[in-house]
Amino acid sequence: MYVNINPEVLENLRQELRRGSLIIAVLAQLGTEQYGYTLRKSLEEHGIAIDEGTLYPLLRRLETQGLLVSEWREHEKRNKRFYWLSPAGEEVLELLLEDWEALSASLQSILQRPIASPAEKLKVASDGVNASKESK
């Protein structure tokens, strides 16, 4: 059962959740050099759809941060910009993956705990109040 959720709020939360994940996905895919279109298709094949208006600014930002290297080359009779991880990008990806795994384990631990219903939460709270009254 869903409470009346503002769709705009939910969409904003989903975008925030995706944002950090996209960085890891892009860095991981660029362990092998690719140009923008093939990167987009590769991400899409793995269930991560990303439009050009998001991908290309992200690639430029990662390159400015020193995490990617790029080079213009002719490929299939057209000039294309190829991207790949710099040594710093490889190191950062490794560190981000460690952080991701730790965060994922923590979330799994939290999500495996039984979730109390509102009625159970009220009972626990009132039991605590009754226990503190009895101890006085």
Protein backbone atom coordinates (compact mmCIF):
# COMPACT_ATOMS: atom_id res chain seq x y z
CA MET A 1 0.00 0.00 0.00
CA TYR A 2 1.34 3.44 -0.96
CA VAL A 3 0.69 6.67 0.84
CA ASN A 4 -0.11 9.60 -1.44
CA ILE A 5 3.41 10.43 -2.68
CA ASN A 6 4.19 13.57 -4.64
CA PRO A 7 5.57 12.20 -7.96
CA GLU A 8 7.95 15.16 -8.29
CA VAL A 9 9.49 14.47 -4.87
CA LEU A 10 9.89 10.78 -5.71
CA GLU A 11 11.51 11.60 -9.07
CA ASN A 12 13.98 13.99 -7.39
CA LEU A 13 14.92 11.31 -4.84
CA ARG A 14 15.43 8.76 -7.61
CA GLN A 15 17.67 11.18 -9.51
CA GLU A 16 19.79 11.80 -6.40
CA LEU A 17 20.15 8.05 -5.89
CA ARG A 18 21.23 7.58 -9.53
CA ARG A 19 23.70 10.46 -9.69
CA GLY A 20 26.53 8.86 -7.69
CA SER A 21 25.88 5.48 -9.24
CA LEU A 22 26.35 6.91 -12.74
CA ILE A 23 29.86 8.07 -11.91
CA ILE A 24 30.88 4.59 -10.80
CA ALA A 25 29.21 3.00 -13.84
CA VAL A 26 30.93 5.37 -16.29
CA LEU A 27 34.35 4.95 -14.66
CA ALA A 28 33.95 1.16 -14.60
CA GLN A 29 32.94 1.03 -18.28
CA LEU A 30 35.90 3.17 -19.30
CA GLY A 31 38.44 0.62 -18.15
CA THR A 32 38.42 -0.05 -21.89
CA GLU A 33 38.45 2.94 -24.20
CA GLN A 34 35.18 3.85 -25.83
CA TYR A 35 33.60 6.80 -27.55
CA GLY A 36 30.45 8.41 -26.21
CA TYR A 37 27.90 6.52 -28.29
CA THR A 38 29.35 3.07 -27.53
CA LEU A 39 29.61 3.99 -23.84
CA ARG A 40 25.95 5.02 -23.81
CA LYS A 41 24.91 1.78 -25.49
CA SER A 42 27.07 -0.31 -23.17
CA LEU A 43 25.55 1.32 -20.10
CA GLU A 44 22.08 0.83 -21.56
CA GLU A 45 22.77 -2.89 -22.13
CA HIS A 46 23.49 -3.12 -18.40
CA GLY A 47 20.20 -1.42 -17.51
CA ILE A 48 21.55 2.11 -17.06
CA ALA A 49 19.91 4.45 -19.55
CA ILE A 50 21.60 7.84 -19.77
CA ASP A 51 20.85 10.60 -22.22
CA GLU A 52 23.52 12.55 -24.08
CA GLY A 53 22.72 15.72 -22.16
CA THR A 54 23.82 13.95 -18.97
CA LEU A 55 26.62 11.76 -20.32
CA TYR A 56 28.76 14.28 -22.20
CA PRO A 57 28.88 16.92 -19.44
CA LEU A 58 29.76 14.10 -17.00
CA LEU A 59 32.59 12.92 -19.27
CA ARG A 60 33.96 16.47 -19.56
CA ARG A 61 33.79 16.95 -15.78
CA LEU A 62 35.55 13.64 -15.09
CA GLU A 63 38.23 14.56 -17.61
CA THR A 64 38.69 18.01 -16.02
CA GLN A 65 39.08 16.26 -12.66
CA GLY A 66 41.88 14.17 -14.15
CA LEU A 67 39.99 10.87 -13.97
CA LEU A 68 39.64 10.37 -17.74
CA VAL A 69 41.80 10.91 -20.78
CA SER A 70 40.32 11.58 -24.21
CA GLU A 71 41.54 11.77 -27.76
CA TRP A 72 39.92 12.66 -31.09
CA ARG A 73 40.41 9.96 -33.72
CA GLU A 74 38.96 8.94 -37.02
CA HIS A 75 36.81 5.85 -36.68
CA GLU A 76 34.58 4.45 -39.42
CA LYS A 77 35.32 7.56 -41.54
CA ARG A 78 34.19 9.96 -38.79
CA ASN A 79 36.03 11.83 -36.06
CA LYS A 80 35.09 10.51 -32.64
CA ARG A 81 36.32 11.33 -29.19
CA PHE A 82 37.56 8.26 -27.35
CA TYR A 83 37.67 8.19 -23.54
CA TRP A 84 39.49 5.91 -21.09
CA LEU A 85 40.50 5.92 -17.43
CA SER A 86 43.63 7.79 -16.42
CA PRO A 87 45.83 6.21 -13.73
CA ALA A 88 44.15 8.54 -11.21
CA GLY A 89 40.75 7.40 -12.53
CA GLU A 90 41.69 3.76 -11.97
CA GLU A 91 42.69 4.57 -8.39
CA VAL A 92 39.55 6.61 -7.71
CA LEU A 93 37.34 3.87 -9.17
CA GLU A 94 38.94 1.33 -6.85
CA LEU A 95 38.36 3.60 -3.83
CA LEU A 96 34.78 4.39 -4.85
CA LEU A 97 34.03 0.69 -5.28
CA GLU A 98 35.32 0.02 -1.77
CA ASP A 99 33.05 2.77 -0.45
CA TRP A 100 30.13 1.44 -2.53
CA GLU A 101 30.60 -2.09 -1.17
CA ALA A 102 30.76 -0.85 2.43
CA LEU A 103 27.66 1.30 1.96
CA SER A 104 25.84 -1.53 0.22
CA ALA A 105 26.65 -3.93 3.08
CA SER A 106 25.41 -1.38 5.60
CA LEU A 107 22.18 -0.86 3.68
CA GLN A 108 21.67 -4.62 3.39
CA SER A 109 22.11 -4.91 7.15
CA ILE A 110 19.57 -2.14 7.75
CA LEU A 111 17.08 -3.54 5.25
CA GLN A 112 17.23 -7.05 6.74
CA ARG A 113 16.00 -5.82 10.12
CA PRO A 114 12.27 -6.30 10.59
CA ILE A 115 10.41 -3.05 10.09
CA ALA A 116 8.00 -2.27 12.90
CA SER A 117 4.50 -1.18 12.00
CA PRO A 118 3.30 2.18 13.37
CA ALA A 119 1.22 0.30 15.96
CA GLU A 120 4.28 -1.67 17.11
CA LYS A 121 6.32 1.53 17.36
CA LEU A 122 3.63 3.09 19.58
CA LYS A 123 3.56 0.00 21.80
CA VAL A 124 7.35 0.04 22.22
CA ALA A 125 7.26 3.77 23.00
CA SER A 126 4.43 3.38 25.54
CA ASP A 127 6.17 0.35 27.13
CA GLY A 128 9.25 2.51 27.59
CA VAL A 129 7.19 5.24 29.25
CA ASN A 130 5.49 2.70 31.54
CA ALA A 131 8.84 1.13 32.46
CA SER A 132 10.31 4.51 33.41
CA LYS A 133 7.23 5.32 35.53
CA GLU A 134 7.52 1.97 37.34
CA SER A 135 11.20 2.51 38.14
CA LYS A 136 10.44 5.75 40.01
